[in-house]
Amino acid sequence: CLDKIVKAAIAINWQVARYNADGKVEEIPNHPMKLLLENPNPMQGQAKFLERAIKFYYIGGETFIHKIELGGAARELYCYRPDRCIIDFGRDAKRPIEKFMYRAGSDVPIKPENILHWKTFNPLDDYDGLGRGLSMLSHAARSIDQNNAIKQWNYSLMKNGARKDGAFVVKEMMGDAQFERTKAEMKANYNGDNPGGFMLLEGGAEFREFSNNPKDTDWLQGSKQTVVEICAALGVDPILIGFNEFSSYNNKQEAKKSLYTETVIPIVRELADELGPFLGLAEKEFFDFDYSNIPVLQENIKEKFDMVSGVTFMTENGKREYVGLPVEEGLDVYRIPMSYIDIPAGVPIPPKPEPVKEEPPDDGEEPVNFKSLNGGGEQKDV
C-alpha cells in the first residue's frame, strides 16, 4: 500500500506559483525552491527524498526535514529517521523547543528553525501538538498482527506436510530412556523441515489428530479480510494491490483516481503547506501542482471542458482559466449564438409560425392521370 501511495505521489510535478495583481494564480518558472526540491542534496533526487518523507510519515507518524542554509537561503534538504531524532524542550513559553538532536553515532544539535517536524495528529501528545506524531499504521496494527499470525500458521502447517497437530498415544508405559530416544528420533527425522515420509512406531503406538479442523480456521478468507482492513486504514483500494475478484477496467480506473483524489493529493498538499513557510517562500507565493501528466486525472479535465464549452455566461478567457489554460489577448468576450433572442420574463412566447405551403403554378392544363396509362404510375401535374 505504501509503495502505491509513494509512486503516485512522486509522479506529481511540483511548481512554485503566486497570486498576481489581479488575484490570479501564475507559475514562477525556475524558482530557486523548485530547483532545490528537484535536487535536495548530493545523495538524493526529488523522488527518493519524497519517498523517505512520506514513508516515515506513515510508519513513524512524523518526518524530520533538515535544511542547510548558506547566505540566509536553504541550499540542501535532508530527511532523517524519526527514531534517531530527539526533541529537547525548554522552559521558555515563546520558544518551547530549545533544540533538536540527531543521534547517529554522536549527538548533533540542530536549531529549531532549521528543522521541519511534519507529523500526524497525536491525541496523547503531552506537549499539545509540539511533541511526537502517531504512526498511521497504528490504526491497522491489530489487522497487521492478525495477518502475520495467519501467515505464520499457514507456514507451520505447510512445513508439517499440511497435517494437523496431534499426539502419539502409547498403550504401555515407556521407560525414560525409551521415551527420550523416541522423542529425539521424531524431532530429528519427522519435524517440520522434513515433512512427509513414513514413520516406524513401536509398542502399539498410534497417532491421534486434535479435533480442530483447518476449514474451521478459514485462514485464506481471514487473510483476505485483514488485507482489506489494512488497505482501508491507509486509504488504498484493495483492487490496486491485486484483489481482482470483483474488478473491471472501469473499477480499476476509478480506484486509481480515488487514490489520487482521496489519499495522495491531500497528503502531498499538506507537505507542501508545511514546506512553503519553512523554505522561506515570499508572501503570496506557494507550492502548487501540475496534474497534466497523470492519465487518470485527465478525465476530470475533459469533464471541465465539456462543462464550459456551451455556456454563454463566461468569457472565452474565463473558460480557459477554469480549465487551467492561460488567457489570450482578444478573448475577453462572450460568445453567444446569434440565433438566440431575449424574451422578458412574463411575456408569452409567441407560437412557432406554420410553414407556408406553396401552391403549384396554374398553367391552364389539366393534370394527367398516369395510373390510367399503360404501366400504371402515380398522378402528377405536368
Protein backbone atom coordinates (compact mmCIF):
# COMPACT_ATOMS: atom_id res chain seq x y z
CA CYS A 1 0.00 0.00 0.00
CA LEU A 2 2.78 2.44 0.89
CA ASP A 3 4.50 1.78 -2.42
CA LYS A 4 1.29 2.62 -4.29
CA ILE A 5 0.94 5.88 -2.37
CA VAL A 6 4.58 6.87 -2.84
CA LYS A 7 4.70 6.04 -6.56
CA ALA A 8 1.58 8.10 -7.12
CA ALA A 9 2.96 11.00 -5.08
CA ILE A 10 6.32 11.24 -6.85
CA ALA A 11 4.55 11.33 -10.23
CA ILE A 12 3.07 14.75 -9.40
CA ASN A 13 5.01 17.72 -10.77
CA TRP A 14 5.77 20.41 -8.18
CA GLN A 15 5.92 24.09 -9.07
CA VAL A 16 6.03 27.44 -7.28
CA ALA A 17 3.16 29.81 -8.02
CA ARG A 18 1.92 33.18 -6.80
CA TYR A 19 -1.09 35.47 -6.95
CA ASN A 20 -0.64 38.36 -9.35
CA ALA A 21 -2.18 41.83 -9.06
CA ASP A 22 -5.47 40.53 -10.44
CA GLY A 23 -5.61 37.75 -7.85
CA LYS A 24 -4.96 35.06 -10.42
CA VAL A 25 -2.54 32.17 -9.99
CA GLU A 26 0.56 32.19 -12.19
CA GLU A 27 3.57 29.88 -12.20
CA ILE A 28 7.04 31.18 -11.36
CA PRO A 29 9.43 29.33 -13.69
CA ASN A 30 12.81 28.15 -12.37
CA HIS A 31 12.09 29.28 -8.82
CA PRO A 32 15.08 28.52 -6.51
CA MET A 33 12.93 26.45 -4.13
CA LYS A 34 11.54 24.40 -7.00
CA LEU A 35 15.09 23.69 -8.16
CA LEU A 36 16.02 22.80 -4.56
CA LEU A 37 13.23 20.21 -4.36
CA GLU A 38 14.37 18.69 -7.63
CA ASN A 39 17.91 18.28 -6.20
CA PRO A 40 17.58 18.38 -2.40
CA ASN A 41 21.07 17.06 -1.63
CA PRO A 42 24.04 15.45 -3.41
CA MET A 43 22.89 11.92 -2.49
CA GLN A 44 19.19 12.07 -3.38
CA GLY A 45 16.86 13.36 -6.03
CA GLN A 46 13.30 14.55 -5.57
CA ALA A 47 11.76 11.07 -5.88
CA LYS A 48 13.91 9.46 -3.16
CA PHE A 49 13.57 12.48 -0.90
CA LEU A 50 9.76 12.42 -1.12
CA GLU A 51 9.73 8.65 -0.67
CA ARG A 52 11.61 8.91 2.64
CA ALA A 53 9.45 11.79 3.83
CA ILE A 54 6.13 10.10 3.08
CA LYS A 55 7.10 6.63 4.31
CA PHE A 56 8.50 7.99 7.59
CA TYR A 57 5.28 9.98 7.96
CA TYR A 58 3.17 6.82 7.64
CA ILE A 59 5.39 4.40 9.55
CA GLY A 60 6.61 6.63 12.37
CA GLY A 61 3.88 9.24 12.30
CA GLU A 62 6.43 12.02 11.77
CA THR A 63 9.16 13.24 9.45
CA PHE A 64 12.13 15.43 10.32
CA ILE A 65 13.43 17.55 7.42
CA HIS A 66 16.69 19.42 8.00
CA LYS A 67 17.63 22.41 5.83
CA ILE A 68 21.21 23.54 5.38
CA GLU A 69 21.41 27.29 4.82
CA LEU A 70 24.03 29.33 3.01
CA GLY A 71 23.77 33.08 2.83
CA GLY A 72 20.38 33.04 4.56
CA ALA A 73 18.76 30.74 1.98
CA ALA A 74 18.19 26.96 2.01
CA ARG A 75 20.73 25.08 -0.10
CA GLU A 76 20.24 21.41 0.90
CA LEU A 77 17.47 19.30 2.43
CA TYR A 78 17.83 16.03 4.35
CA CYS A 79 15.14 13.70 5.71
CA TYR A 80 16.14 11.95 8.96
CA ARG A 81 14.94 8.79 10.66
CA PRO A 82 12.36 9.70 13.31
CA ASP A 83 13.72 7.21 15.84
CA ARG A 84 17.09 9.00 15.81
CA CYS A 85 15.65 12.47 16.36
CA ILE A 86 15.21 13.86 19.87
CA ILE A 87 13.19 16.93 20.80
CA ASP A 88 14.76 18.97 23.61
CA PHE A 89 12.06 21.08 25.22
CA GLY A 90 12.98 24.26 27.11
CA ARG A 91 11.20 26.37 29.70
CA ASP A 92 10.56 29.47 27.58
CA ALA A 93 6.93 29.65 26.51
CA LYS A 94 7.88 31.77 23.49
CA ARG A 95 10.48 29.22 22.42
CA PRO A 96 9.17 25.87 23.72
CA ILE A 97 11.64 23.76 21.73
CA GLU A 98 15.21 24.60 22.66
CA LYS A 99 16.85 22.36 20.04
CA PHE A 100 16.59 19.13 18.11
CA MET A 101 19.16 16.37 18.45
CA TYR A 102 20.03 13.93 15.70
CA ARG A 103 21.67 10.80 17.09
CA ALA A 104 23.84 8.99 14.53
CA GLY A 105 26.99 7.80 16.27
CA SER A 106 27.13 11.13 18.10
CA ASP A 107 24.52 13.73 19.06
CA VAL A 108 24.26 16.57 16.55
CA PRO A 109 22.34 19.63 17.84
CA ILE A 110 20.13 21.41 15.29
CA LYS A 111 18.40 24.76 15.71
CA PRO A 112 14.59 24.54 15.78
CA GLU A 113 14.22 26.93 12.85
CA ASN A 114 16.26 24.56 10.67
CA ILE A 115 14.03 21.52 11.31
CA LEU A 116 10.60 20.90 9.84
CA HIS A 117 8.75 18.49 12.11
CA TRP A 118 5.95 17.22 9.88
CA LYS A 119 3.75 14.94 11.97
CA THR A 120 0.32 13.40 12.28
CA PHE A 121 -2.22 14.26 14.93
CA ASN A 122 -1.50 12.55 18.24
CA PRO A 123 -4.27 12.75 20.85
CA LEU A 124 -1.85 11.52 23.54
CA ASP A 125 0.74 14.24 22.95
CA ASP A 126 1.79 15.79 26.28
CA TYR A 127 3.05 18.96 24.59
CA ASP A 128 -0.20 19.98 22.90
CA GLY A 129 0.89 19.43 19.30
CA LEU A 130 4.61 20.11 19.72
CA GLY A 131 5.59 16.55 20.62
CA ARG A 132 5.74 13.35 18.62
CA GLY A 133 3.26 12.17 16.00
CA LEU A 134 1.23 8.97 15.95
CA SER A 135 2.03 6.27 13.42
CA MET A 136 -0.50 5.96 10.60
CA LEU A 137 -0.06 2.18 10.86
CA SER A 138 -1.35 2.17 14.44
CA HIS A 139 -4.93 2.23 13.09
CA ALA A 140 -4.24 -1.08 11.36
CA ALA A 141 -1.88 -2.59 13.95
CA ARG A 142 -4.30 -5.29 15.08
CA SER A 143 -5.08 -6.29 11.47
CA ILE A 144 -1.35 -6.41 10.66
CA ASP A 145 -0.65 -8.64 13.65
CA GLN A 146 -3.55 -10.89 12.72
CA ASN A 147 -2.36 -11.17 9.13
CA ASN A 148 1.16 -12.07 10.28
CA ALA A 149 -0.25 -14.73 12.63
CA ILE A 150 -2.31 -16.22 9.79
CA LYS A 151 0.75 -16.36 7.54
CA GLN A 152 2.81 -17.99 10.30
CA TRP A 153 0.09 -20.57 10.98
CA ASN A 154 -0.13 -21.46 7.32
CA TYR A 155 3.66 -21.67 7.02
CA SER A 156 3.85 -24.02 10.00
CA LEU A 157 1.06 -26.15 8.54
CA MET A 158 2.87 -26.45 5.22
CA LYS A 159 6.11 -27.41 6.98
CA ASN A 160 4.20 -30.18 8.68
CA GLY A 161 3.07 -31.63 5.35
CA ALA A 162 -0.36 -29.98 5.67
CA ARG A 163 -1.11 -32.27 8.61
CA LYS A 164 -2.84 -31.02 11.69
CA ASP A 165 -1.37 -31.16 15.17
CA GLY A 166 -1.81 -34.35 17.12
CA ALA A 167 -0.33 -36.69 19.69
CA PHE A 168 1.23 -40.20 19.70
CA VAL A 169 -0.53 -42.46 22.16
CA VAL A 170 1.32 -45.48 23.56
CA LYS A 171 -0.70 -48.17 25.30
CA GLU A 172 2.11 -49.29 27.56
CA MET A 173 4.24 -47.20 29.88
CA MET A 174 7.61 -46.25 28.33
CA GLY A 175 10.84 -46.00 30.27
CA ASP A 176 12.74 -42.75 30.49
CA ALA A 177 15.46 -43.88 28.09
CA GLN A 178 12.95 -45.20 25.55
CA PHE A 179 10.86 -42.02 25.80
CA GLU A 180 13.86 -39.76 25.23
CA ARG A 181 15.10 -41.90 22.32
CA THR A 182 11.70 -41.81 20.61
CA LYS A 183 11.34 -38.09 21.18
CA ALA A 184 14.79 -37.36 19.75
CA GLU A 185 14.12 -39.59 16.72
CA MET A 186 10.82 -37.83 16.00
CA LYS A 187 12.45 -34.42 16.27
CA ALA A 188 15.39 -35.36 14.06
CA ASN A 189 13.60 -37.24 11.27
CA TYR A 190 9.98 -36.10 11.21
CA ASN A 191 9.98 -32.43 12.18
CA GLY A 192 8.59 -29.56 10.10
CA ASP A 193 11.73 -29.32 7.97
CA ASN A 194 11.26 -32.91 6.77
CA PRO A 195 7.55 -33.30 6.03
CA GLY A 196 6.11 -36.46 4.55
CA GLY A 197 7.70 -39.90 4.55
CA PHE A 198 6.89 -42.97 6.64
CA MET A 199 7.17 -43.46 10.39
CA LEU A 200 8.11 -46.60 12.28
CA LEU A 201 6.15 -46.84 15.54
CA GLU A 202 6.87 -49.36 18.27
CA GLY A 203 4.89 -50.83 21.10
CA GLY A 204 1.44 -50.33 19.60
CA ALA A 205 1.76 -46.52 19.35
CA GLU A 206 -0.81 -44.70 17.27
CA PHE A 207 -1.28 -41.08 16.15
CA ARG A 208 -4.43 -39.20 17.08
CA GLU A 209 -5.25 -35.85 15.49
CA PHE A 210 -6.55 -32.99 17.52
CA SER A 211 -10.17 -32.10 16.96
CA ASN A 212 -9.58 -28.76 15.23
CA ASN A 213 -10.39 -28.60 11.53
CA PRO A 214 -8.32 -26.39 9.18
CA LYS A 215 -11.54 -25.42 7.42
CA ASP A 216 -12.86 -24.04 10.69
CA THR A 217 -9.97 -21.59 10.92
CA ASP A 218 -10.56 -20.48 7.28
CA TRP A 219 -7.15 -18.85 7.11
CA LEU A 220 -7.47 -17.84 3.45
CA GLN A 221 -10.63 -15.81 3.97
CA GLY A 222 -9.21 -14.36 7.18
CA SER A 223 -6.05 -13.29 5.38
CA LYS A 224 -8.07 -11.52 2.69
CA GLN A 225 -10.18 -9.73 5.28
CA THR A 226 -7.14 -8.44 7.18
CA VAL A 227 -5.58 -7.15 3.95
CA VAL A 228 -8.80 -5.29 3.11
CA GLU A 229 -8.79 -3.72 6.58
CA ILE A 230 -5.15 -2.62 6.19
CA CYS A 231 -5.90 -1.07 2.81
CA ALA A 232 -8.89 0.78 4.23
CA ALA A 233 -6.75 2.20 7.05
CA LEU A 234 -4.16 3.50 4.57
CA GLY A 235 -6.64 4.82 2.01
CA VAL A 236 -5.81 2.40 -0.81
CA ASP A 237 -8.43 0.44 -2.74
CA PRO A 238 -7.69 -3.33 -2.49
CA ILE A 239 -8.19 -3.60 -6.26
CA LEU A 240 -4.88 -1.77 -6.75
CA ILE A 241 -2.87 -4.43 -4.91
CA GLY A 242 -4.27 -7.44 -6.73
CA PHE A 243 -7.77 -8.13 -5.37
CA ASN A 244 -9.34 -8.63 -8.79
CA GLU A 245 -12.29 -10.83 -7.86
CA PHE A 246 -14.89 -8.12 -8.45
CA SER A 247 -12.84 -5.67 -10.50
CA SER A 248 -13.15 -4.48 -14.06
CA TYR A 249 -11.32 -1.91 -16.16
CA ASN A 250 -13.69 0.85 -15.06
CA ASN A 251 -13.38 -0.14 -11.42
CA LYS A 252 -9.59 -0.02 -11.64
CA GLN A 253 -9.64 3.39 -13.28
CA GLU A 254 -11.95 4.71 -10.58
CA ALA A 255 -9.74 3.16 -7.90
CA LYS A 256 -6.66 4.88 -9.32
CA LYS A 257 -8.49 8.19 -9.47
CA SER A 258 -9.70 7.72 -5.90
CA LEU A 259 -6.12 7.02 -4.76
CA TYR A 260 -5.10 10.46 -6.02
CA THR A 261 -8.12 12.50 -5.00
CA GLU A 262 -8.69 11.00 -1.53
CA THR A 263 -5.21 9.99 -0.37
CA VAL A 264 -2.21 11.18 -2.38
CA ILE A 265 -3.16 14.78 -3.25
CA PRO A 266 -4.27 15.67 0.33
CA ILE A 267 -1.07 14.24 1.84
CA VAL A 268 1.18 15.98 -0.69
CA ARG A 269 -0.76 19.22 -0.28
CA GLU A 270 -0.22 19.02 3.48
CA LEU A 271 3.52 18.57 2.98
CA ALA A 272 3.62 21.49 0.52
CA ASP A 273 1.82 23.77 3.00
CA GLU A 274 4.46 22.89 5.61
CA LEU A 275 7.42 23.31 3.25
CA GLY A 276 6.38 26.74 1.95
CA PRO A 277 6.98 28.80 5.11
CA PHE A 278 9.85 26.53 6.16
CA LEU A 279 11.81 27.25 2.95
CA GLY A 280 11.02 30.96 3.12
CA LEU A 281 8.70 31.46 0.16
CA ALA A 282 7.76 35.11 -0.31
CA GLU A 283 4.33 36.49 0.50
CA LYS A 284 1.65 35.26 -1.91
CA GLU A 285 4.00 32.51 -3.13
CA PHE A 286 3.15 28.85 -2.55
CA PHE A 287 3.83 25.36 -3.84
CA ASP A 288 1.36 24.23 -6.47
CA PHE A 289 0.99 21.06 -8.55
CA ASP A 290 0.65 20.20 -12.20
CA TYR A 291 -1.55 17.15 -12.81
CA SER A 292 -1.38 17.20 -16.60
CA ASN A 293 0.93 14.17 -16.68
CA ILE A 294 -1.40 11.99 -14.54
CA PRO A 295 -3.51 9.96 -17.03
CA VAL A 296 -6.33 9.05 -14.63
CA LEU A 297 -6.91 12.70 -13.74
CA GLN A 298 -7.31 13.80 -17.35
CA GLU A 299 -10.93 12.63 -17.28
CA ASN A 300 -11.66 15.39 -14.78
CA ILE A 301 -10.13 17.93 -17.16
CA LYS A 302 -12.27 16.59 -20.00
CA GLU A 303 -15.36 16.97 -17.82
CA LYS A 304 -14.41 20.60 -17.22
CA PHE A 305 -14.05 21.22 -20.95
CA ASP A 306 -17.45 19.68 -21.62
CA MET A 307 -18.99 21.68 -18.80
CA VAL A 308 -17.93 25.11 -20.06
CA SER A 309 -17.92 24.51 -23.81
CA GLY A 310 -21.55 25.53 -24.30
CA VAL A 311 -22.12 28.10 -21.53
CA THR A 312 -22.73 31.71 -22.52
CA PHE A 313 -22.32 33.50 -19.16
CA MET A 314 -18.50 33.17 -19.17
CA THR A 315 -15.98 34.90 -21.38
CA GLU A 316 -13.69 32.79 -23.51
CA ASN A 317 -10.75 33.67 -21.27
CA GLY A 318 -12.88 32.82 -18.25
CA LYS A 319 -13.45 29.37 -19.71
CA ARG A 320 -9.73 28.96 -20.37
CA GLU A 321 -8.86 29.89 -16.80
CA TYR A 322 -11.47 27.48 -15.44
CA VAL A 323 -9.89 24.54 -17.28
CA GLY A 324 -6.35 25.63 -16.41
CA LEU A 325 -5.26 27.21 -19.71
CA PRO A 326 -3.55 30.61 -19.96
CA VAL A 327 -5.60 33.60 -21.10
CA GLU A 328 -5.04 35.08 -24.54
CA GLU A 329 -5.42 38.57 -25.85
CA GLY A 330 -8.67 39.34 -27.58
CA LEU A 331 -10.70 36.59 -25.89
CA ASP A 332 -12.31 38.66 -23.12
CA VAL A 333 -15.62 38.33 -24.98
CA TYR A 334 -18.88 36.47 -24.55
CA ARG A 335 -19.52 34.07 -27.39
CA ILE A 336 -23.31 33.84 -27.87
CA PRO A 337 -25.07 32.10 -30.77
CA MET A 338 -26.84 34.63 -32.99
CA SER A 339 -29.99 32.55 -33.20
CA TYR A 340 -30.78 33.35 -29.55
CA ILE A 341 -33.26 36.18 -28.75
CA ASP A 342 -34.14 37.80 -25.42
CA ILE A 343 -37.72 37.42 -24.17
CA PRO A 344 -38.55 39.31 -20.94
CA ALA A 345 -39.96 37.32 -18.05
CA GLY A 346 -43.78 37.22 -18.05
CA VAL A 347 -44.10 37.78 -21.77
CA PRO A 348 -45.77 34.83 -23.50
CA ILE A 349 -43.63 33.06 -26.01
CA PRO A 350 -45.18 33.50 -29.47
CA PRO A 351 -46.16 30.27 -31.20
CA LYS A 352 -43.97 28.97 -33.92
CA PRO A 353 -45.41 30.12 -37.29
CA GLU A 354 -46.77 27.45 -39.56
CA PRO A 355 -44.71 26.90 -42.72
CA VAL A 356 -46.32 28.42 -45.85
CA LYS A 357 -47.35 25.78 -48.34
CA GLU A 358 -46.58 26.85 -51.85
CA GLU A 359 -49.26 26.14 -54.47
CA PRO A 360 -48.09 24.86 -57.83
CA PRO A 361 -48.40 27.42 -60.62
CA ASP A 362 -51.56 27.20 -62.69
CA ASP A 363 -50.58 26.84 -66.37
CA GLY A 364 -54.15 26.14 -67.57
CA GLU A 365 -53.61 22.45 -68.41
CA GLU A 366 -55.41 19.51 -66.90
CA PRO A 367 -53.39 17.04 -64.77
CA VAL A 368 -52.60 13.75 -66.41
CA ASN A 369 -53.62 10.55 -64.63
CA PHE A 370 -50.62 8.29 -65.16
CA LYS A 371 -52.39 5.33 -63.50
CA SER A 372 -54.75 5.19 -66.44
CA LEU A 373 -51.81 4.79 -68.79
CA ASN A 374 -50.10 1.52 -69.65
CA GLY A 375 -47.70 0.53 -66.86
CA GLY A 376 -49.56 2.45 -64.17
CA GLY A 377 -47.92 5.17 -62.11
CA GLU A 378 -48.91 7.93 -59.77
CA GLN A 379 -50.77 11.12 -60.53
CA LYS A 380 -48.63 14.18 -61.07
CA ASP A 381 -49.08 17.58 -62.63
CA VAL A 382 -47.14 18.02 -65.82
